[in-house]
Amino acid sequence: MKLSQFDSSYSAEIIEFYTKVFSSSENEEEGKIIGNLVSNLIETTEQQDLIGFVAISSNEVVGCIFFSRLIVSSKKVAFMLSPVAVATCEQGKGIGQQLINHGLSYLKTKNIDLVFTYGDPNYYSKVGFNPISESIVSAPFKLSQPEGWLAQSLNDSIINSMQGSSQCVEAFNDQAYW
Protein backbone atom coordinates (compact mmCIF):
# COMPACT_ATOMS: atom_id res chain seq x y z
CA MET A 1 0.00 0.00 0.00
CA LYS A 2 1.23 3.46 -0.89
CA LEU A 3 0.45 6.55 1.20
CA SER A 4 0.67 9.88 -0.58
CA GLN A 5 -0.35 13.44 0.01
CA PHE A 6 -3.63 14.52 -1.53
CA ASP A 7 -3.47 16.87 -4.49
CA SER A 8 -6.24 18.31 -6.61
CA SER A 9 -5.73 15.76 -9.39
CA TYR A 10 -7.42 13.23 -7.06
CA SER A 11 -10.48 15.45 -6.38
CA ALA A 12 -13.19 13.74 -8.45
CA GLU A 13 -12.01 10.26 -7.46
CA ILE A 14 -11.86 11.18 -3.76
CA ILE A 15 -15.32 12.79 -3.72
CA GLU A 16 -16.74 9.66 -5.35
CA PHE A 17 -14.80 7.47 -2.89
CA TYR A 18 -16.25 9.20 0.19
CA THR A 19 -19.76 9.10 -1.30
CA LYS A 20 -19.45 5.35 -1.96
CA VAL A 21 -17.93 4.49 1.44
CA PHE A 22 -20.51 6.41 3.47
CA SER A 23 -23.41 5.19 1.28
CA SER A 24 -22.29 1.64 1.99
CA SER A 25 -21.58 2.04 5.71
CA GLU A 26 -24.48 4.35 6.58
CA ASN A 27 -26.99 4.95 3.77
CA GLU A 28 -27.24 6.68 0.41
CA GLU A 29 -28.33 10.00 1.94
CA GLU A 30 -25.33 10.05 4.29
CA GLY A 31 -23.09 9.20 1.34
CA LYS A 32 -24.37 12.26 -0.53
CA ILE A 33 -23.93 14.48 2.54
CA ILE A 34 -20.33 13.39 3.10
CA GLY A 35 -19.55 13.49 -0.61
CA ASN A 36 -20.81 17.09 -0.71
CA LEU A 37 -18.83 17.93 2.42
CA VAL A 38 -15.62 16.62 0.83
CA SER A 39 -16.38 18.48 -2.41
CA ASN A 40 -16.90 21.72 -0.47
CA LEU A 41 -13.81 21.08 1.63
CA ILE A 42 -11.65 20.66 -1.48
CA GLU A 43 -13.22 23.54 -3.42
CA THR A 44 -13.56 26.20 -0.71
CA THR A 45 -10.55 25.65 1.55
CA GLU A 46 -7.33 27.54 0.94
CA GLN A 47 -4.45 25.24 0.05
CA GLN A 48 -2.48 26.11 3.21
CA ASP A 49 -5.54 25.25 5.32
CA LEU A 50 -6.17 21.74 3.95
CA ILE A 51 -3.88 18.71 4.12
CA GLY A 52 -5.00 15.30 2.96
CA PHE A 53 -3.52 11.84 2.58
CA VAL A 54 -4.58 8.97 0.33
CA ALA A 55 -3.92 5.24 0.64
CA ILE A 56 -3.64 3.39 -2.66
CA SER A 57 -3.48 -0.36 -3.15
CA SER A 58 -3.45 -2.06 -6.58
CA ASN A 59 -4.05 1.35 -8.19
CA GLU A 60 -7.27 1.81 -6.20
CA VAL A 61 -7.98 4.36 -3.48
CA VAL A 62 -8.60 2.39 -0.29
CA GLY A 63 -8.48 5.24 2.23
CA CYS A 64 -8.37 8.99 2.60
CA ILE A 65 -8.16 11.52 5.42
CA PHE A 66 -8.23 15.30 5.62
CA PHE A 67 -6.90 17.79 8.14
CA SER A 68 -8.26 21.34 7.95
CA ARG A 69 -7.18 24.42 9.88
CA LEU A 70 -8.95 25.06 13.16
CA ILE A 71 -8.39 28.51 14.60
CA VAL A 72 -8.21 28.38 18.39
CA SER A 73 -8.14 31.30 20.82
CA SER A 74 -4.47 30.84 21.72
CA LYS A 75 -1.37 31.29 19.63
CA LYS A 76 -1.26 27.53 19.00
CA VAL A 77 -1.48 26.24 15.43
CA ALA A 78 -4.28 23.68 15.19
CA PHE A 79 -5.88 21.43 12.59
CA MET A 80 -8.94 19.20 12.68
CA LEU A 81 -8.97 15.63 11.39
CA SER A 82 -12.15 14.97 9.41
CA PRO A 83 -13.46 13.19 7.47
CA VAL A 84 -11.81 9.78 7.46
CA ALA A 85 -12.85 7.03 5.04
CA VAL A 86 -11.60 3.51 4.36
CA ALA A 87 -13.06 1.30 1.62
CA THR A 88 -15.71 -0.96 3.11
CA CYS A 89 -13.93 -4.15 2.01
CA GLU A 90 -10.66 -2.90 3.58
CA GLN A 91 -11.98 -1.83 6.99
CA GLY A 92 -10.52 -3.48 10.06
CA LYS A 93 -7.06 -3.87 8.48
CA GLY A 94 -5.46 -0.82 10.08
CA ILE A 95 -5.48 1.38 6.97
CA GLY A 96 -7.24 4.25 8.74
CA GLN A 97 -4.78 4.13 11.62
CA GLN A 98 -1.82 4.04 9.21
CA LEU A 99 -3.17 7.07 7.35
CA ILE A 100 -3.83 9.00 10.56
CA ASN A 101 -0.39 8.20 12.03
CA HIS A 102 1.24 9.16 8.74
CA GLY A 103 -0.70 12.44 8.71
CA LEU A 104 0.12 13.23 12.34
CA SER A 105 3.82 12.62 11.66
CA TYR A 106 3.64 14.99 8.71
CA LEU A 107 1.88 17.67 10.77
CA LYS A 108 4.62 17.44 13.40
CA THR A 109 7.19 18.31 10.73
CA LYS A 110 5.12 21.40 9.89
CA ASN A 111 5.17 22.59 13.53
CA ILE A 112 1.45 22.08 14.06
CA ASP A 113 0.78 22.19 17.81
CA LEU A 114 -2.66 20.61 18.20
CA VAL A 115 -4.99 18.29 16.32
CA PHE A 116 -8.68 17.88 17.10
CA THR A 117 -11.32 15.51 15.82
CA TYR A 118 -14.98 14.81 16.49
CA GLY A 119 -15.75 11.11 16.44
CA ASP A 120 -15.66 7.76 18.19
CA PRO A 121 -13.34 7.96 21.22
CA ASN A 122 -12.74 4.19 21.09
CA TYR A 123 -11.36 4.43 17.56
CA TYR A 124 -9.41 7.67 17.77
CA SER A 125 -7.80 6.80 21.12
CA LYS A 126 -5.83 4.14 19.19
CA VAL A 127 -3.98 6.96 17.41
CA GLY A 128 -3.37 9.20 20.41
CA PHE A 129 -6.53 11.29 20.69
CA ASN A 130 -8.07 11.90 24.11
CA PRO A 131 -11.38 13.42 25.13
CA ILE A 132 -11.17 17.13 25.76
CA SER A 133 -13.74 19.17 27.60
CA GLU A 134 -15.26 22.14 25.87
CA SER A 135 -14.39 24.06 29.03
CA ILE A 136 -10.74 23.60 27.93
CA VAL A 137 -11.16 24.18 24.16
CA SER A 138 -14.56 24.92 22.70
CA ALA A 139 -15.70 23.38 19.43
CA PRO A 140 -16.81 25.71 16.64
CA PHE A 141 -20.46 24.72 17.21
CA LYS A 142 -22.57 23.14 19.96
CA LEU A 143 -21.73 19.43 20.01
CA SER A 144 -24.53 16.88 19.79
CA GLN A 145 -22.16 14.28 21.32
CA PRO A 146 -19.65 16.11 23.56
CA GLU A 147 -17.84 12.84 24.38
CA GLY A 148 -16.67 12.79 20.75
CA TRP A 149 -14.64 16.03 21.02
CA LEU A 150 -11.06 14.77 21.05
CA ALA A 151 -7.59 16.29 20.83
CA GLN A 152 -3.90 15.62 21.00
CA SER A 153 -0.81 17.73 21.33
CA LEU A 154 1.83 17.12 18.68
CA ASN A 155 4.61 18.80 20.67
CA ASP A 156 4.08 16.92 23.95
CA SER A 157 2.78 19.99 25.76
CA ILE A 158 -0.31 20.02 27.94
CA ILE A 159 -3.38 21.46 26.27
CA ASN A 160 -4.18 24.47 28.42
CA SER A 161 -7.58 26.06 28.78
CA MET A 162 -8.36 28.54 26.01
CA GLN A 163 -10.95 31.23 26.48
CA GLY A 164 -13.17 32.03 23.53
CA SER A 165 -14.45 30.07 20.59
CA SER A 166 -12.68 28.16 17.85
CA GLN A 167 -13.31 28.55 14.14
CA CYS A 168 -13.38 25.87 11.46
CA VAL A 169 -12.97 26.16 7.70
CA GLU A 170 -16.05 27.14 5.68
CA ALA A 171 -16.96 23.56 4.65
CA PHE A 172 -17.56 22.59 8.31
CA ASN A 173 -19.31 25.84 9.16
CA ASP A 174 -22.68 24.13 9.62
CA GLN A 175 -24.29 22.96 12.87
CA ALA A 176 -25.40 19.75 11.11
CA TYR A 177 -21.82 18.39 11.24
CA TRP A 178 -21.50 18.96 14.96
C-alpha atoms as a PDB file:
ATOM      1  CA  MET A   1       0.000   0.000   0.000  1.00  0.00           C
ATOM      2  CA  LYS A   2       1.229   3.464  -0.893  1.00  0.00           C
ATOM      3  CA  LEU A   3       0.446   6.546   1.200  1.00  0.00           C
ATOM      4  CA  SER A   4       0.667   9.877  -0.578  1.00  0.00           C
ATOM      5  CA  GLN A   5      -0.348  13.445   0.015  1.00  0.00           C
ATOM      6  CA  PHE A   6      -3.632  14.524  -1.525  1.00  0.00           C
ATOM      7  CA  ASP A   7      -3.468  16.873  -4.485  1.00  0.00           C
ATOM      8  CA  SER A   8      -6.237  18.313  -6.607  1.00  0.00           C
ATOM      9  CA  SER A   9      -5.726  15.759  -9.394  1.00  0.00           C
ATOM     10  CA  TYR A  10      -7.419  13.233  -7.056  1.00  0.00           C
ATOM     11  CA  SER A  11     -10.478  15.447  -6.383  1.00  0.00           C
ATOM     12  CA  ALA A  12     -13.194  13.738  -8.449  1.00  0.00           C
ATOM     13  CA  GLU A  13     -12.013  10.260  -7.463  1.00  0.00           C
ATOM     14  CA  ILE A  14     -11.862  11.178  -3.757  1.00  0.00           C
ATOM     15  CA  ILE A  15     -15.319  12.786  -3.721  1.00  0.00           C
ATOM     16  CA  GLU A  16     -16.742   9.658  -5.355  1.00  0.00           C
ATOM     17  CA  PHE A  17     -14.797   7.473  -2.892  1.00  0.00           C
ATOM     18  CA  TYR A  18     -16.252   9.202   0.191  1.00  0.00           C
ATOM     19  CA  THR A  19     -19.759   9.102  -1.297  1.00  0.00           C
ATOM     20  CA  LYS A  20     -19.451   5.355  -1.961  1.00  0.00           C
ATOM     21  CA  VAL A  21     -17.925   4.492   1.442  1.00  0.00           C
ATOM     22  CA  PHE A  22     -20.507   6.408   3.468  1.00  0.00           C
ATOM     23  CA  SER A  23     -23.408   5.192   1.280  1.00  0.00           C
ATOM     24  CA  SER A  24     -22.285   1.638   1.986  1.00  0.00           C
ATOM     25  CA  SER A  25     -21.581   2.039   5.715  1.00  0.00           C
ATOM     26  CA  GLU A  26     -24.485   4.351   6.583  1.00  0.00           C
ATOM     27  CA  ASN A  27     -26.993   4.950   3.769  1.00  0.00           C
ATOM     28  CA  GLU A  28     -27.239   6.683   0.405  1.00  0.00           C
ATOM     29  CA  GLU A  29     -28.332  10.001   1.939  1.00  0.00           C
ATOM     30  CA  GLU A  30     -25.330  10.046   4.294  1.00  0.00           C
ATOM     31  CA  GLY A  31     -23.089   9.204   1.344  1.00  0.00           C
ATOM     32  CA  LYS A  32     -24.371  12.259  -0.530  1.00  0.00           C
ATOM     33  CA  ILE A  33     -23.935  14.483   2.541  1.00  0.00           C
ATOM     34  CA  ILE A  34     -20.332  13.393   3.104  1.00  0.00           C
ATOM     35  CA  GLY A  35     -19.545  13.491  -0.613  1.00  0.00           C
ATOM     36  CA  ASN A  36     -20.811  17.090  -0.715  1.00  0.00           C
ATOM     37  CA  LEU A  37     -18.826  17.932   2.418  1.00  0.00           C
ATOM     38  CA  VAL A  38     -15.621  16.624   0.825  1.00  0.00           C
ATOM     39  CA  SER A  39     -16.381  18.475  -2.407  1.00  0.00           C
ATOM     40  CA  ASN A  40     -16.903  21.723  -0.467  1.00  0.00           C
ATOM     41  CA  LEU A  41     -13.807  21.082   1.634  1.00  0.00           C
ATOM     42  CA  ILE A  42     -11.649  20.664  -1.478  1.00  0.00           C
ATOM     43  CA  GLU A  43     -13.217  23.539  -3.423  1.00  0.00           C
ATOM     44  CA  THR A  44     -13.560  26.201  -0.710  1.00  0.00           C
ATOM     45  CA  THR A  45     -10.550  25.653   1.549  1.00  0.00           C
ATOM     46  CA  GLU A  46      -7.327  27.543   0.938  1.00  0.00           C
ATOM     47  CA  GLN A  47      -4.451  25.241   0.051  1.00  0.00           C
ATOM     48  CA  GLN A  48      -2.481  26.112   3.205  1.00  0.00           C
ATOM     49  CA  ASP A  49      -5.539  25.248   5.324  1.00  0.00           C
ATOM     50  CA  LEU A  50      -6.171  21.736   3.954  1.00  0.00           C
ATOM     51  CA  ILE A  51      -3.880  18.712   4.118  1.00  0.00           C
ATOM     52  CA  GLY A  52      -5.004  15.298   2.959  1.00  0.00           C
ATOM     53  CA  PHE A  53      -3.525  11.835   2.575  1.00  0.00           C
ATOM     54  CA  VAL A  54      -4.580   8.971   0.326  1.00  0.00           C
ATOM     55  CA  ALA A  55      -3.920   5.237   0.644  1.00  0.00           C
ATOM     56  CA  ILE A  56      -3.642   3.387  -2.659  1.00  0.00           C
ATOM     57  CA  SER A  57      -3.481  -0.362  -3.154  1.00  0.00           C
ATOM     58  CA  SER A  58      -3.453  -2.055  -6.576  1.00  0.00           C
ATOM     59  CA  ASN A  59      -4.046   1.354  -8.193  1.00  0.00           C
ATOM     60  CA  GLU A  60      -7.273   1.811  -6.199  1.00  0.00           C
ATOM     61  CA  VAL A  61      -7.982   4.363  -3.485  1.00  0.00           C
ATOM     62  CA  VAL A  62      -8.598   2.392  -0.288  1.00  0.00           C
ATOM     63  CA  GLY A  63      -8.479   5.236   2.225  1.00  0.00           C
ATOM     64  CA  CYS A  64      -8.372   8.986   2.596  1.00  0.00           C
ATOM     65  CA  ILE A  65      -8.157  11.522   5.421  1.00  0.00           C
ATOM     66  CA  PHE A  66      -8.227  15.304   5.619  1.00  0.00           C
ATOM     67  CA  PHE A  67      -6.898  17.793   8.142  1.00  0.00           C
ATOM     68  CA  SER A  68      -8.264  21.341   7.952  1.00  0.00           C
ATOM     69  CA  ARG A  69      -7.184  24.419   9.878  1.00  0.00           C
ATOM     70  CA  LEU A  70      -8.954  25.063  13.160  1.00  0.00           C
ATOM     71  CA  ILE A  71      -8.389  28.508  14.601  1.00  0.00           C
ATOM     72  CA  VAL A  72      -8.210  28.384  18.390  1.00  0.00           C
ATOM     73  CA  SER A  73      -8.136  31.297  20.818  1.00  0.00           C
ATOM     74  CA  SER A  74      -4.470  30.843  21.724  1.00  0.00           C
ATOM     75  CA  LYS A  75      -1.369  31.293  19.631  1.00  0.00           C
ATOM     76  CA  LYS A  76      -1.261  27.528  19.005  1.00  0.00           C
ATOM     77  CA  VAL A  77      -1.481  26.242  15.435  1.00  0.00           C
ATOM     78  CA  ALA A  78      -4.279  23.683  15.194  1.00  0.00           C
ATOM     79  CA  PHE A  79      -5.876  21.433  12.591  1.00  0.00           C
ATOM     80  CA  MET A  80      -8.943  19.203  12.683  1.00  0.00           C
ATOM     81  CA  LEU A  81      -8.972  15.625  11.388  1.00  0.00           C
ATOM     82  CA  SER A  82     -12.154  14.972   9.413  1.00  0.00           C
ATOM     83  CA  PRO A  83     -13.456  13.188   7.468  1.00  0.00           C
ATOM     84  CA  VAL A  84     -11.807   9.779   7.461  1.00  0.00           C
ATOM     85  CA  ALA A  85     -12.846   7.034   5.039  1.00  0.00           C
ATOM     86  CA  VAL A  86     -11.605   3.512   4.363  1.00  0.00           C
ATOM     87  CA  ALA A  87     -13.057   1.300   1.619  1.00  0.00           C
ATOM     88  CA  THR A  88     -15.713  -0.958   3.111  1.00  0.00           C
ATOM     89  CA  CYS A  89     -13.927  -4.154   2.012  1.00  0.00           C
ATOM     90  CA  GLU A  90     -10.661  -2.899   3.581  1.00  0.00           C
ATOM     91  CA  GLN A  91     -11.981  -1.833   6.986  1.00  0.00           C
ATOM     92  CA  GLY A  92     -10.518  -3.479  10.062  1.00  0.00           C
ATOM     93  CA  LYS A  93      -7.064  -3.866   8.476  1.00  0.00           C
ATOM     94  CA  GLY A  94      -5.458  -0.819  10.082  1.00  0.00           C
ATOM     95  CA  ILE A  95      -5.480   1.379   6.966  1.00  0.00           C
ATOM     96  CA  GLY A  96      -7.240   4.250   8.740  1.00  0.00           C
ATOM     97  CA  GLN A  97      -4.783   4.127  11.621  1.00  0.00           C
ATOM     98  CA  GLN A  98      -1.824   4.039   9.208  1.00  0.00           C
ATOM     99  CA  LEU A  99      -3.169   7.073   7.349  1.00  0.00           C
ATOM    100  CA  ILE A 100      -3.827   8.996  10.565  1.00  0.00           C
ATOM    101  CA  ASN A 101      -0.394   8.201  12.029  1.00  0.00           C
ATOM    102  CA  HIS A 102       1.241   9.163   8.737  1.00  0.00           C
ATOM    103  CA  GLY A 103      -0.704  12.437   8.710  1.00  0.00           C
ATOM    104  CA  LEU A 104       0.122  13.229  12.337  1.00  0.00           C
ATOM    105  CA  SER A 105       3.821  12.625  11.664  1.00  0.00           C
ATOM    106  CA  TYR A 106       3.640  14.987   8.705  1.00  0.00           C
ATOM    107  CA  LEU A 107       1.878  17.669  10.768  1.00  0.00           C
ATOM    108  CA  LYS A 108       4.618  17.443  13.399  1.00  0.00           C
ATOM    109  CA  THR A 109       7.194  18.305  10.730  1.00  0.00           C
ATOM    110  CA  LYS A 110       5.123  21.402   9.891  1.00  0.00           C
ATOM    111  CA  ASN A 111       5.170  22.587  13.532  1.00  0.00           C
ATOM    112  CA  ILE A 112       1.451  22.076  14.058  1.00  0.00           C
ATOM    113  CA  ASP A 113       0.777  22.189  17.806  1.00  0.00           C
ATOM    114  CA  LEU A 114      -2.662  20.606  18.204  1.00  0.00           C
ATOM    115  CA  VAL A 115      -4.991  18.288  16.315  1.00  0.00           C
ATOM    116  CA  PHE A 116      -8.680  17.879  17.105  1.00  0.00           C
ATOM    117  CA  THR A 117     -11.320  15.513  15.817  1.00  0.00           C
ATOM    118  CA  TYR A 118     -14.976  14.807  16.489  1.00  0.00           C
ATOM    119  CA  GLY A 119     -15.752  11.114  16.436  1.00  0.00           C
ATOM    120  CA  ASP A 120     -15.661   7.758  18.191  1.00  0.00           C
ATOM    121  CA  PRO A 121     -13.337   7.961  21.223  1.00  0.00           C
ATOM    122  CA  ASN A 122     -12.742   4.186  21.093  1.00  0.00           C
ATOM    123  CA  TYR A 123     -11.362   4.433  17.557  1.00  0.00           C
ATOM    124  CA  TYR A 124      -9.413   7.675  17.772  1.00  0.00           C
ATOM    125  CA  SER A 125      -7.805   6.804  21.121  1.00  0.00           C
ATOM    126  CA  LYS A 126      -5.834   4.141  19.195  1.00  0.00           C
ATOM    127  CA  VAL A 127      -3.978   6.962  17.412  1.00  0.00           C
ATOM    128  CA  GLY A 128      -3.365   9.202  20.409  1.00  0.00           C
ATOM    129  CA  PHE A 129      -6.535  11.290  20.687  1.00  0.00           C
ATOM    130  CA  ASN A 130      -8.068  11.902  24.106  1.00  0.00           C
ATOM    131  CA  PRO A 131     -11.380  13.420  25.127  1.00  0.00           C
ATOM    132  CA  ILE A 132     -11.166  17.134  25.756  1.00  0.00           C
ATOM    133  CA  SER A 133     -13.736  19.168  27.599  1.00  0.00           C
ATOM    134  CA  GLU A 134     -15.255  22.142  25.873  1.00  0.00           C
ATOM    135  CA  SER A 135     -14.387  24.062  29.031  1.00  0.00           C
ATOM    136  CA  ILE A 136     -10.738  23.602  27.930  1.00  0.00           C
ATOM    137  CA  VAL A 137     -11.160  24.178  24.164  1.00  0.00           C
ATOM    138  CA  SER A 138     -14.560  24.920  22.702  1.00  0.00           C
ATOM    139  CA  ALA A 139     -15.696  23.381  19.434  1.00  0.00           C
ATOM    140  CA  PRO A 140     -16.814  25.714  16.635  1.00  0.00           C
ATOM    141  CA  PHE A 141     -20.456  24.716  17.213  1.00  0.00           C
ATOM    142  CA  LYS A 142     -22.573  23.140  19.958  1.00  0.00           C
ATOM    143  CA  LEU A 143     -21.725  19.427  20.007  1.00  0.00           C
ATOM    144  CA  SER A 144     -24.534  16.877  19.794  1.00  0.00           C
ATOM    145  CA  GLN A 145     -22.160  14.282  21.320  1.00  0.00           C
ATOM    146  CA  PRO A 146     -19.645  16.107  23.562  1.00  0.00           C
ATOM    147  CA  GLU A 147     -17.840  12.837  24.382  1.00  0.00           C
ATOM    148  CA  GLY A 148     -16.668  12.786  20.746  1.00  0.00           C
ATOM    149  CA  TRP A 149     -14.643  16.031  21.023  1.00  0.00           C
ATOM    150  CA  LEU A 150     -11.058  14.770  21.048  1.00  0.00           C
ATOM    151  CA  ALA A 151      -7.587  16.287  20.835  1.00  0.00           C
ATOM    152  CA  GLN A 152      -3.896  15.618  20.999  1.00  0.00           C
ATOM    153  CA  SER A 153      -0.808  17.734  21.329  1.00  0.00           C
ATOM    154  CA  LEU A 154       1.834  17.124  18.678  1.00  0.00           C
ATOM    155  CA  ASN A 155       4.605  18.798  20.672  1.00  0.00           C
ATOM    156  CA  ASP A 156       4.077  16.920  23.949  1.00  0.00           C
ATOM    157  CA  SER A 157       2.781  19.989  25.762  1.00  0.00           C
ATOM    158  CA  ILE A 158      -0.309  20.016  27.938  1.00  0.00           C
ATOM    159  CA  ILE A 159      -3.379  21.464  26.271  1.00  0.00           C
ATOM    160  CA  ASN A 160      -4.178  24.469  28.419  1.00  0.00           C
ATOM    161  CA  SER A 161      -7.584  26.056  28.781  1.00  0.00           C
ATOM    162  CA  MET A 162      -8.355  28.536  26.008  1.00  0.00           C
ATOM    163  CA  GLN A 163     -10.948  31.231  26.484  1.00  0.00           C
ATOM    164  CA  GLY A 164     -13.168  32.034  23.526  1.00  0.00           C
ATOM    165  CA  SER A 165     -14.455  30.074  20.590  1.00  0.00           C
ATOM    166  CA  SER A 166     -12.678  28.160  17.854  1.00  0.00           C
ATOM    167  CA  GLN A 167     -13.310  28.554  14.144  1.00  0.00           C
ATOM    168  CA  CYS A 168     -13.377  25.869  11.461  1.00  0.00           C
ATOM    169  CA  VAL A 169     -12.973  26.162   7.700  1.00  0.00           C
ATOM    170  CA  GLU A 170     -16.055  27.136   5.683  1.00  0.00           C
ATOM    171  CA  ALA A 171     -16.964  23.564   4.648  1.00  0.00           C
ATOM    172  CA  PHE A 172     -17.556  22.590   8.305  1.00  0.00           C
ATOM    173  CA  ASN A 173     -19.311  25.840   9.162  1.00  0.00           C
ATOM    174  CA  ASP A 174     -22.683  24.130   9.622  1.00  0.00           C
ATOM    175  CA  GLN A 175     -24.292  22.959  12.868  1.00  0.00           C
ATOM    176  CA  ALA A 176     -25.399  19.749  11.109  1.00  0.00           C
ATOM    177  CA  TYR A 177     -21.825  18.386  11.241  1.00  0.00           C
ATOM    178  CA  TRP A 178     -21.505  18.960  14.958  1.00  0.00           C
END
